[in-house]
PDB file of N, CA and C in Angstrom:
ATOM      1  N   MET A   1       6.291  43.093   2.241  1.00  0.00           N
ATOM      2  CA  MET A   1       6.849  42.591   3.491  1.00  0.00           C
ATOM      3  C   MET A   1       5.782  42.703   4.577  1.00  0.00           C
ATOM      4  N   PRO A   2       5.560  41.612   5.315  1.00  0.00           N
ATOM      5  CA  PRO A   2       4.507  41.645   6.332  1.00  0.00           C
ATOM      6  C   PRO A   2       4.889  42.511   7.540  1.00  0.00           C
ATOM      7  N   ASN A   3       3.878  43.084   8.153  1.00  0.00           N
ATOM      8  CA  ASN A   3       4.075  43.920   9.335  1.00  0.00           C
ATOM      9  C   ASN A   3       3.684  43.191  10.617  1.00  0.00           C
ATOM     10  N   ILE A   4       2.707  42.304  10.513  1.00  0.00           N
ATOM     11  CA  ILE A   4       2.195  41.600  11.686  1.00  0.00           C
ATOM     12  C   ILE A   4       3.118  40.436  12.024  1.00  0.00           C
ATOM     13  N   LYS A   5       3.282  40.208  13.316  1.00  0.00           N
ATOM     14  CA  LYS A   5       4.220  39.193  13.795  1.00  0.00           C
ATOM     15  C   LYS A   5       3.889  37.805  13.250  1.00  0.00           C
ATOM     16  N   SER A   6       2.618  37.432  13.265  1.00  0.00           N
ATOM     17  CA  SER A   6       2.220  36.106  12.780  1.00  0.00           C
ATOM     18  C   SER A   6       2.448  35.974  11.271  1.00  0.00           C
ATOM     19  N   ALA A   7       2.267  37.083  10.548  1.00  0.00           N
ATOM     20  CA  ALA A   7       2.511  37.054   9.105  1.00  0.00           C
ATOM     21  C   ALA A   7       3.993  36.898   8.807  1.00  0.00           C
ATOM     22  N   LYS A   8       4.838  37.510   9.635  1.00  0.00           N
ATOM     23  CA  LYS A   8       6.290  37.354   9.477  1.00  0.00           C
ATOM     24  C   LYS A   8       6.698  35.904   9.706  1.00  0.00           C
ATOM     25  N   LYS A   9       6.102  35.303  10.725  1.00  0.00           N
ATOM     26  CA  LYS A   9       6.407  33.900  11.018  1.00  0.00           C
ATOM     27  C   LYS A   9       5.940  33.010   9.871  1.00  0.00           C
ATOM     28  N   ARG A  10       4.755  33.278   9.352  1.00  0.00           N
ATOM     29  CA  ARG A  10       4.222  32.491   8.240  1.00  0.00           C
ATOM     30  C   ARG A  10       5.138  32.608   7.019  1.00  0.00           C
ATOM     31  N   LEU A  11       5.676  33.791   6.775  1.00  0.00           N
ATOM     32  CA  LEU A  11       6.611  33.989   5.665  1.00  0.00           C
ATOM     33  C   LEU A  11       7.866  33.142   5.848  1.00  0.00           C
ATOM     34  N   ARG A  12       8.398  33.120   7.070  1.00  0.00           N
ATOM     35  CA  ARG A  12       9.578  32.290   7.341  1.00  0.00           C
ATOM     36  C   ARG A  12       9.258  30.812   7.138  1.00  0.00           C
ATOM     37  N   GLN A  13       8.100  30.388   7.603  1.00  0.00           N
ATOM     38  CA  GLN A  13       7.702  28.984   7.447  1.00  0.00           C
ATOM     39  C   GLN A  13       7.547  28.621   5.973  1.00  0.00           C
ATOM     40  N   ASN A  14       6.946  29.539   5.205  1.00  0.00           N
ATOM     41  CA  ASN A  14       6.743  29.283   3.783  1.00  0.00           C
ATOM     42  C   ASN A  14       8.064  29.147   3.030  1.00  0.00           C
ATOM     43  N   GLU A  15       9.045  29.940   3.414  1.00  0.00           N
ATOM     44  CA  GLU A  15      10.347  29.858   2.750  1.00  0.00           C
ATOM     45  C   GLU A  15      11.027  28.523   3.019  1.00  0.00           C
ATOM     46  N   VAL A  16      10.930  28.035   4.249  1.00  0.00           N
ATOM     47  CA  VAL A  16      11.508  26.728   4.596  1.00  0.00           C
ATOM     48  C   VAL A  16      10.771  25.619   3.849  1.00  0.00           C
ATOM     49  N   LYS A  17       9.439  25.706   3.820  1.00  0.00           N
ATOM     50  CA  LYS A  17       8.630  24.693   3.152  1.00  0.00           C
ATOM     51  C   LYS A  17       8.910  24.669   1.652  1.00  0.00           C
ATOM     52  N   LYS A  18       9.129  25.846   1.069  1.00  0.00           N
ATOM     53  CA  LYS A  18       9.418  25.940  -0.365  1.00  0.00           C
ATOM     54  C   LYS A  18      10.699  25.196  -0.713  1.00  0.00           C
ATOM     55  N   VAL A  19      11.723  25.366   0.091  1.00  0.00           N
ATOM     56  CA  VAL A  19      12.999  24.691  -0.157  1.00  0.00           C
ATOM     57  C   VAL A  19      12.821  23.174  -0.053  1.00  0.00           C
ATOM     58  N   THR A  20      12.084  22.735   0.970  1.00  0.00           N
ATOM     59  CA  THR A  20      11.847  21.310   1.164  1.00  0.00           C
ATOM     60  C   THR A  20      11.063  20.721   0.004  1.00  0.00           C
ATOM     61  N   ASN A  21       9.992  21.410  -0.402  1.00  0.00           N
ATOM     62  CA  ASN A  21       9.156  20.907  -1.486  1.00  0.00           C
ATOM     63  C   ASN A  21       9.917  20.849  -2.808  1.00  0.00           C
ATOM     64  N   LEU A  22      10.750  21.841  -3.070  1.00  0.00           N
ATOM     65  CA  LEU A  22      11.537  21.822  -4.304  1.00  0.00           C
ATOM     66  C   LEU A  22      12.519  20.649  -4.314  1.00  0.00           C
ATOM     67  N   ALA A  23      13.102  20.342  -3.162  1.00  0.00           N
ATOM     68  CA  ALA A  23      14.025  19.207  -3.078  1.00  0.00           C
ATOM     69  C   ALA A  23      13.284  17.896  -3.344  1.00  0.00           C
ATOM     70  N   ILE A  24      12.073  17.776  -2.814  1.00  0.00           N
ATOM     71  CA  ILE A  24      11.284  16.559  -3.024  1.00  0.00           C
ATOM     72  C   ILE A  24      10.894  16.439  -4.491  1.00  0.00           C
ATOM     73  N   LYS A  25      10.484  17.539  -5.107  1.00  0.00           N
ATOM     74  CA  LYS A  25      10.110  17.506  -6.526  1.00  0.00           C
ATOM     75  C   LYS A  25      11.307  17.150  -7.406  1.00  0.00           C
ATOM     76  N   ARG A  26      12.482  17.653  -7.045  1.00  0.00           N
ATOM     77  CA  ARG A  26      13.695  17.339  -7.798  1.00  0.00           C
ATOM     78  C   ARG A  26      13.975  15.835  -7.726  1.00  0.00           C
ATOM     79  N   THR A  27      13.796  15.252  -6.552  1.00  0.00           N
ATOM     80  CA  THR A  27      13.992  13.807  -6.382  1.00  0.00           C
ATOM     81  C   THR A  27      12.991  13.024  -7.222  1.00  0.00           C
ATOM     82  N   LEU A  28      11.753  13.489  -7.261  1.00  0.00           N
ATOM     83  CA  LEU A  28      10.730  12.814  -8.060  1.00  0.00           C
ATOM     84  C   LEU A  28      11.095  12.817  -9.539  1.00  0.00           C
ATOM     85  N   ARG A  29      11.510  13.971 -10.035  1.00  0.00           N
ATOM     86  CA  ARG A  29      11.898  14.046 -11.452  1.00  0.00           C
ATOM     87  C   ARG A  29      13.076  13.130 -11.758  1.00  0.00           C
ATOM     88  N   ARG A  30      14.034  13.087 -10.841  1.00  0.00           N
ATOM     89  CA  ARG A  30      15.206  12.229 -11.025  1.00  0.00           C
ATOM     90  C   ARG A  30      14.795  10.758 -11.060  1.00  0.00           C
ATOM     91  N   ASN A  31      13.883  10.363 -10.163  1.00  0.00           N
ATOM     92  CA  ASN A  31      13.437   8.970 -10.119  1.00  0.00           C
ATOM     93  C   ASN A  31      12.693   8.583 -11.391  1.00  0.00           C
ATOM     94  N   CYS A  32      11.799   9.446 -11.855  1.00  0.00           N
ATOM     95  CA  CYS A  32      11.038   9.155 -13.073  1.00  0.00           C
ATOM     96  C   CYS A  32      11.965   9.070 -14.282  1.00  0.00           C
ATOM     97  N   ARG A  33      12.937   9.962 -14.329  1.00  0.00           N
ATOM     98  CA  ARG A  33      13.890   9.950 -15.440  1.00  0.00           C
ATOM     99  C   ARG A  33      14.722   8.667 -15.430  1.00  0.00           C
ATOM    100  N   SER A  34      15.091   8.185 -14.240  1.00  0.00           N
ATOM    101  CA  SER A  34      15.899   6.964 -14.167  1.00  0.00           C
ATOM    102  C   SER A  34      15.119   5.755 -14.687  1.00  0.00           C
ATOM    103  N   VAL A  35      13.799   5.746 -14.458  1.00  0.00           N
ATOM    104  CA  VAL A  35      12.974   4.654 -14.990  1.00  0.00           C
ATOM    105  C   VAL A  35      12.971   4.711 -16.517  1.00  0.00           C
ATOM    106  N   ARG A  36      12.732   5.901 -17.074  1.00  0.00           N
ATOM    107  CA  ARG A  36      12.685   6.042 -18.529  1.00  0.00           C
ATOM    108  C   ARG A  36      14.024   5.727 -19.181  1.00  0.00           C
ATOM    109  N   GLU A  37      15.120   6.112 -18.529  1.00  0.00           N
ATOM    110  CA  GLU A  37      16.446   5.827 -19.077  1.00  0.00           C
ATOM    111  C   GLU A  37      16.748   4.332 -19.052  1.00  0.00           C
ATOM    112  N   ALA A  38      16.323   3.651 -17.986  1.00  0.00           N
ATOM    113  CA  ALA A  38      16.548   2.208 -17.898  1.00  0.00           C
ATOM    114  C   ALA A  38      15.752   1.477 -18.974  1.00  0.00           C
ATOM    115  N   VAL A  39      14.535   1.923 -19.227  1.00  0.00           N
ATOM    116  CA  VAL A  39      13.721   1.318 -20.284  1.00  0.00           C
ATOM    117  C   VAL A  39      14.366   1.559 -21.645  1.00  0.00           C
ATOM    118  N   ALA A  40      14.850   2.765 -21.863  1.00  0.00           N
ATOM    119  CA  ALA A  40      15.487   3.095 -23.145  1.00  0.00           C
ATOM    120  C   ALA A  40      16.751   2.274 -23.361  1.00  0.00           C
ATOM    121  N   ALA A  41      17.458   1.972 -22.264  1.00  0.00           N
ATOM    122  CA  ALA A  41      18.676   1.164 -22.363  1.00  0.00           C
ATOM    123  C   ALA A  41      18.358  -0.327 -22.487  1.00  0.00           C
ATOM    124  N   GLY A  42      17.084  -0.687 -22.284  1.00  0.00           N
ATOM    125  CA  GLY A  42      16.680  -2.086 -22.393  1.00  0.00           C
ATOM    126  C   GLY A  42      16.875  -2.887 -21.129  1.00  0.00           C
ATOM    127  N   ASN A  43      17.151  -2.242 -20.029  1.00  0.00           N
ATOM    128  CA  ASN A  43      17.368  -2.920 -18.744  1.00  0.00           C
ATOM    129  C   ASN A  43      16.052  -2.918 -17.969  1.00  0.00           C
ATOM    130  N   ILE A  44      15.231  -3.951 -18.191  1.00  0.00           N
ATOM    131  CA  ILE A  44      13.888  -4.001 -17.613  1.00  0.00           C
ATOM    132  C   ILE A  44      13.933  -4.209 -16.099  1.00  0.00           C
ATOM    133  N   GLU A  45      14.866  -5.041 -15.620  1.00  0.00           N
ATOM    134  CA  GLU A  45      14.935  -5.287 -14.163  1.00  0.00           C
ATOM    135  C   GLU A  45      15.252  -3.997 -13.409  1.00  0.00           C
ATOM    136  N   LEU A  46      16.209  -3.252 -13.925  1.00  0.00           N
ATOM    137  CA  LEU A  46      16.552  -1.975 -13.293  1.00  0.00           C
ATOM    138  C   LEU A  46      15.382  -1.001 -13.374  1.00  0.00           C
ATOM    139  N   ALA A  47      14.679  -1.010 -14.496  1.00  0.00           N
ATOM    140  CA  ALA A  47      13.523  -0.128 -14.653  1.00  0.00           C
ATOM    141  C   ALA A  47      12.445  -0.459 -13.627  1.00  0.00           C
ATOM    142  N   GLU A  48      12.203  -1.747 -13.397  1.00  0.00           N
ATOM    143  CA  GLU A  48      11.182  -2.141 -12.415  1.00  0.00           C
ATOM    144  C   GLU A  48      11.603  -1.770 -10.997  1.00  0.00           C
ATOM    145  N   THR A  49      12.865  -1.928 -10.687  1.00  0.00           N
ATOM    146  CA  THR A  49      13.368  -1.538  -9.368  1.00  0.00           C
ATOM    147  C   THR A  49      13.234  -0.036  -9.160  1.00  0.00           C
ATOM    148  N   ASN A  50      13.629   0.728 -10.172  1.00  0.00           N
ATOM    149  CA  ASN A  50      13.510   2.186 -10.084  1.00  0.00           C
ATOM    150  C   ASN A  50      12.046   2.620 -10.060  1.00  0.00           C
ATOM    151  N   PHE A  51      11.180   1.864 -10.737  1.00  0.00           N
ATOM    152  CA  PHE A  51       9.753   2.185 -10.748  1.00  0.00           C
ATOM    153  C   PHE A  51       9.156   2.045  -9.351  1.00  0.00           C
ATOM    154  N   ARG A  52       9.526   0.981  -8.642  1.00  0.00           N
ATOM    155  CA  ARG A  52       9.021   0.806  -7.273  1.00  0.00           C
ATOM    156  C   ARG A  52       9.478   1.952  -6.376  1.00  0.00           C
ATOM    157  N   LEU A  53      10.724   2.351  -6.532  1.00  0.00           N
ATOM    158  CA  LEU A  53      11.251   3.472  -5.749  1.00  0.00           C
ATOM    159  C   LEU A  53      10.537   4.775  -6.121  1.00  0.00           C
ATOM    160  N   ALA A  54      10.305   4.983  -7.405  1.00  0.00           N
ATOM    161  CA  ALA A  54       9.614   6.195  -7.859  1.00  0.00           C
ATOM    162  C   ALA A  54       8.184   6.228  -7.333  1.00  0.00           C
ATOM    163  N   CYS A  55       7.507   5.084  -7.352  1.00  0.00           N
ATOM    164  CA  CYS A  55       6.135   5.027  -6.836  1.00  0.00           C
ATOM    165  C   CYS A  55       6.094   5.354  -5.348  1.00  0.00           C
ATOM    166  N   LYS A  56       7.063   4.862  -4.626  1.00  0.00           N
ATOM    167  CA  LYS A  56       7.138   5.141  -3.199  1.00  0.00           C
ATOM    168  C   LYS A  56       7.262   6.643  -2.944  1.00  0.00           C
ATOM    169  N   HIS A  57       8.168   7.292  -3.664  1.00  0.00           N
ATOM    170  CA  HIS A  57       8.364   8.721  -3.485  1.00  0.00           C
ATOM    171  C   HIS A  57       7.163   9.528  -3.987  1.00  0.00           C
ATOM    172  N   LEU A  58       6.563   9.091  -5.096  1.00  0.00           N
ATOM    173  CA  LEU A  58       5.383   9.778  -5.608  1.00  0.00           C
ATOM    174  C   LEU A  58       4.223   9.707  -4.621  1.00  0.00           C
ATOM    175  N   ASP A  59       3.992   8.534  -4.061  1.00  0.00           N
ATOM    176  CA  ASP A  59       2.904   8.378  -3.090  1.00  0.00           C
ATOM    177  C   ASP A  59       3.143   9.217  -1.847  1.00  0.00           C
ATOM    178  N   ARG A  60       4.387   9.268  -1.412  1.00  0.00           N
ATOM    179  CA  ARG A  60       4.714  10.070  -0.233  1.00  0.00           C
ATOM    180  C   ARG A  60       4.475  11.557  -0.512  1.00  0.00           C
ATOM    181  N   ALA A  61       4.845  12.012  -1.714  1.00  0.00           N
ATOM    182  CA  ALA A  61       4.631  13.413  -2.074  1.00  0.00           C
ATOM    183  C   ALA A  61       3.135  13.731  -2.165  1.00  0.00           C
ATOM    184  N   ALA A  62       2.353  12.774  -2.658  1.00  0.00           N
ATOM    185  CA  ALA A  62       0.907  12.989  -2.744  1.00  0.00           C
ATOM    186  C   ALA A  62       0.281  13.046  -1.356  1.00  0.00           C
ATOM    187  N   SER A  63       0.760  12.215  -0.453  1.00  0.00           N
ATOM    188  CA  SER A  63       0.187  12.221   0.891  1.00  0.00           C
ATOM    189  C   SER A  63       0.511  13.510   1.634  1.00  0.00           C
ATOM    190  N   LYS A  64       1.648  14.123   1.282  1.00  0.00           N
ATOM    191  CA  LYS A  64       2.017  15.404   1.896  1.00  0.00           C
ATOM    192  C   LYS A  64       1.459  16.588   1.111  1.00  0.00           C
ATOM    193  N   LYS A  65       0.703  16.299   0.048  1.00  0.00           N
ATOM    194  CA  LYS A  65       0.074  17.308  -0.802  1.00  0.00           C
ATOM    195  C   LYS A  65       1.090  18.239  -1.459  1.00  0.00           C
ATOM    196  N   ILE A  66       2.252  17.680  -1.801  1.00  0.00           N
ATOM    197  CA  ILE A  66       3.246  18.446  -2.542  1.00  0.00           C
ATOM    198  C   ILE A  66       2.861  18.478  -4.018  1.00  0.00           C
ATOM    199  N   ILE A  67       2.389  17.337  -4.525  1.00  0.00           N
ATOM    200  CA  ILE A  67       1.800  17.296  -5.858  1.00  0.00           C
ATOM    201  C   ILE A  67       0.445  16.610  -5.743  1.00  0.00           C
ATOM    202  N   HIS A  68      -0.432  16.876  -6.692  1.00  0.00           N
ATOM    203  CA  HIS A  68      -1.804  16.373  -6.623  1.00  0.00           C
ATOM    204  C   HIS A  68      -1.842  14.867  -6.843  1.00  0.00           C
ATOM    205  N   LYS A  69      -2.808  14.213  -6.211  1.00  0.00           N
ATOM    206  CA  LYS A  69      -2.891  12.755  -6.302  1.00  0.00           C
ATOM    207  C   LYS A  69      -3.179  12.282  -7.725  1.00  0.00           C
ATOM    208  N   ASN A  70      -3.926  13.073  -8.498  1.00  0.00           N
ATOM    209  CA  ASN A  70      -4.191  12.684  -9.884  1.00  0.00           C
ATOM    210  C   ASN A  70      -2.932  12.781 -10.738  1.00  0.00           C
ATOM    211  N   THR A  71      -2.084  13.735 -10.436  1.00  0.00           N
ATOM    212  CA  THR A  71      -0.805  13.856 -11.136  1.00  0.00           C
ATOM    213  C   THR A  71       0.057  12.638 -10.845  1.00  0.00           C
ATOM    214  N   VAL A  72       0.061  12.218  -9.591  1.00  0.00           N
ATOM    215  CA  VAL A  72       0.811  11.021  -9.203  1.00  0.00           C
ATOM    216  C   VAL A  72       0.289   9.807  -9.947  1.00  0.00           C
ATOM    217  N   SER A  73      -1.020   9.675  -9.994  1.00  0.00           N
ATOM    218  CA  SER A  73      -1.635   8.539 -10.679  1.00  0.00           C
ATOM    219  C   SER A  73      -1.260   8.524 -12.152  1.00  0.00           C
ATOM    220  N   ARG A  74      -1.292   9.692 -12.784  1.00  0.00           N
ATOM    221  CA  ARG A  74      -0.957   9.788 -14.203  1.00  0.00           C
ATOM    222  C   ARG A  74       0.508   9.420 -14.453  1.00  0.00           C
ATOM    223  N   LEU A  75       1.407   9.923 -13.613  1.00  0.00           N
ATOM    224  CA  LEU A  75       2.825   9.623 -13.777  1.00  0.00           C
ATOM    225  C   LEU A  75       3.102   8.130 -13.597  1.00  0.00           C
ATOM    226  N   LYS A  76       2.504   7.546 -12.570  1.00  0.00           N
ATOM    227  CA  LYS A  76       2.712   6.114 -12.322  1.00  0.00           C
ATOM    228  C   LYS A  76       2.173   5.279 -13.477  1.00  0.00           C
ATOM    229  N   SER A  77       1.028   5.684 -14.009  1.00  0.00           N
ATOM    230  CA  SER A  77       0.433   4.961 -15.125  1.00  0.00           C
ATOM    231  C   SER A  77       1.321   5.023 -16.361  1.00  0.00           C
ATOM    232  N   ARG A  78       1.851   6.203 -16.645  1.00  0.00           N
ATOM    233  CA  ARG A  78       2.702   6.356 -17.823  1.00  0.00           C
ATOM    234  C   ARG A  78       4.005   5.579 -17.687  1.00  0.00           C
ATOM    235  N   LEU A  79       4.575   5.590 -16.493  1.00  0.00           N
ATOM    236  CA  LEU A  79       5.821   4.842 -16.292  1.00  0.00           C
ATOM    237  C   LEU A  79       5.579   3.342 -16.411  1.00  0.00           C
ATOM    238  N   SER A  80       4.490   2.858 -15.823  1.00  0.00           N
ATOM    239  CA  SER A  80       4.211   1.421 -15.907  1.00  0.00           C
ATOM    240  C   SER A  80       3.900   1.013 -17.345  1.00  0.00           C
ATOM    241  N   ALA A  81       3.219   1.877 -18.093  1.00  0.00           N
ATOM    242  CA  ALA A  81       2.932   1.575 -19.499  1.00  0.00           C
ATOM    243  C   ALA A  81       4.227   1.524 -20.308  1.00  0.00           C
ATOM    244  N   CYS A  82       5.166   2.380 -19.969  1.00  0.00           N
ATOM    245  CA  CYS A  82       6.462   2.396 -20.642  1.00  0.00           C
ATOM    246  C   CYS A  82       7.199   1.074 -20.407  1.00  0.00           C
ATOM    247  N   ILE A  83       7.183   0.628 -19.158  1.00  0.00           N
ATOM    248  CA  ILE A  83       7.838  -0.645 -18.825  1.00  0.00           C
ATOM    249  C   ILE A  83       7.141  -1.808 -19.506  1.00  0.00           C
ATOM    250  N   LYS A  84       5.799  -1.791 -19.488  1.00  0.00           N
ATOM    251  CA  LYS A  84       5.034  -2.871 -20.107  1.00  0.00           C
ATOM    252  C   LYS A  84       5.284  -2.950 -21.606  1.00  0.00           C
ATOM    253  N   ALA A  85       5.369  -1.804 -22.262  1.00  0.00           N
ATOM    254  CA  ALA A  85       5.635  -1.775 -23.715  1.00  0.00           C
ATOM    255  C   ALA A  85       7.027  -2.331 -24.006  1.00  0.00           C
ATOM    256  N   ALA A  86       7.987  -2.018 -23.147  1.00  0.00           N
ATOM    257  CA  ALA A  86       9.335  -2.527 -23.357  1.00  0.00           C
ATOM    258  C   ALA A  86       9.388  -4.044 -23.166  1.00  0.00           C
ATOM    259  N   LYS A  87       8.607  -4.556 -22.203  1.00  0.00           N
ATOM    260  CA  LYS A  87       8.561  -6.011 -21.980  1.00  0.00           C
ATOM    261  C   LYS A  87       7.957  -6.711 -23.182  1.00  0.00           C
ATOM    262  N   ASN A  88       6.875  -6.168 -23.730  1.00  0.00           N
ATOM    263  CA  ASN A  88       6.201  -6.803 -24.858  1.00  0.00           C
ATOM    264  C   ASN A  88       7.011  -6.699 -26.143  1.00  0.00           C
ATOM    265  N   ALA A  89       7.887  -5.719 -26.234  1.00  0.00           N
ATOM    266  CA  ALA A  89       8.713  -5.550 -27.434  1.00  0.00           C
ATOM    267  C   ALA A  89       9.768  -6.654 -27.525  1.00  0.00           C
ATOM    268  N   ASP A  90      10.165  -7.198 -26.361  1.00  0.00           N
ATOM    269  CA  ASP A  90      11.212  -8.231 -26.368  1.00  0.00           C
ATOM    270  C   ASP A  90      10.738  -9.551 -26.876  1.00  0.00           C
TER     271      ASP A  90
END
């Protein structure tokens, strides 16, 4: 437990930031999962719509440095490859 006033404030700020970041990460996982589920169900239009939404949230998280930009790039690449493979399978 911190003793210095500024350290106490930093601890409070970190706790608030942790809750916010976890909520954003939860949303990201949900968005990515919805893309994969739509592809598995064979609904390509829904998958593309969800992919655009997922990319938007991923880019926003990267700009806020919640997750690393290379991680975002990798996730977007894998999701787009999943959609592309489903399109070519039809």
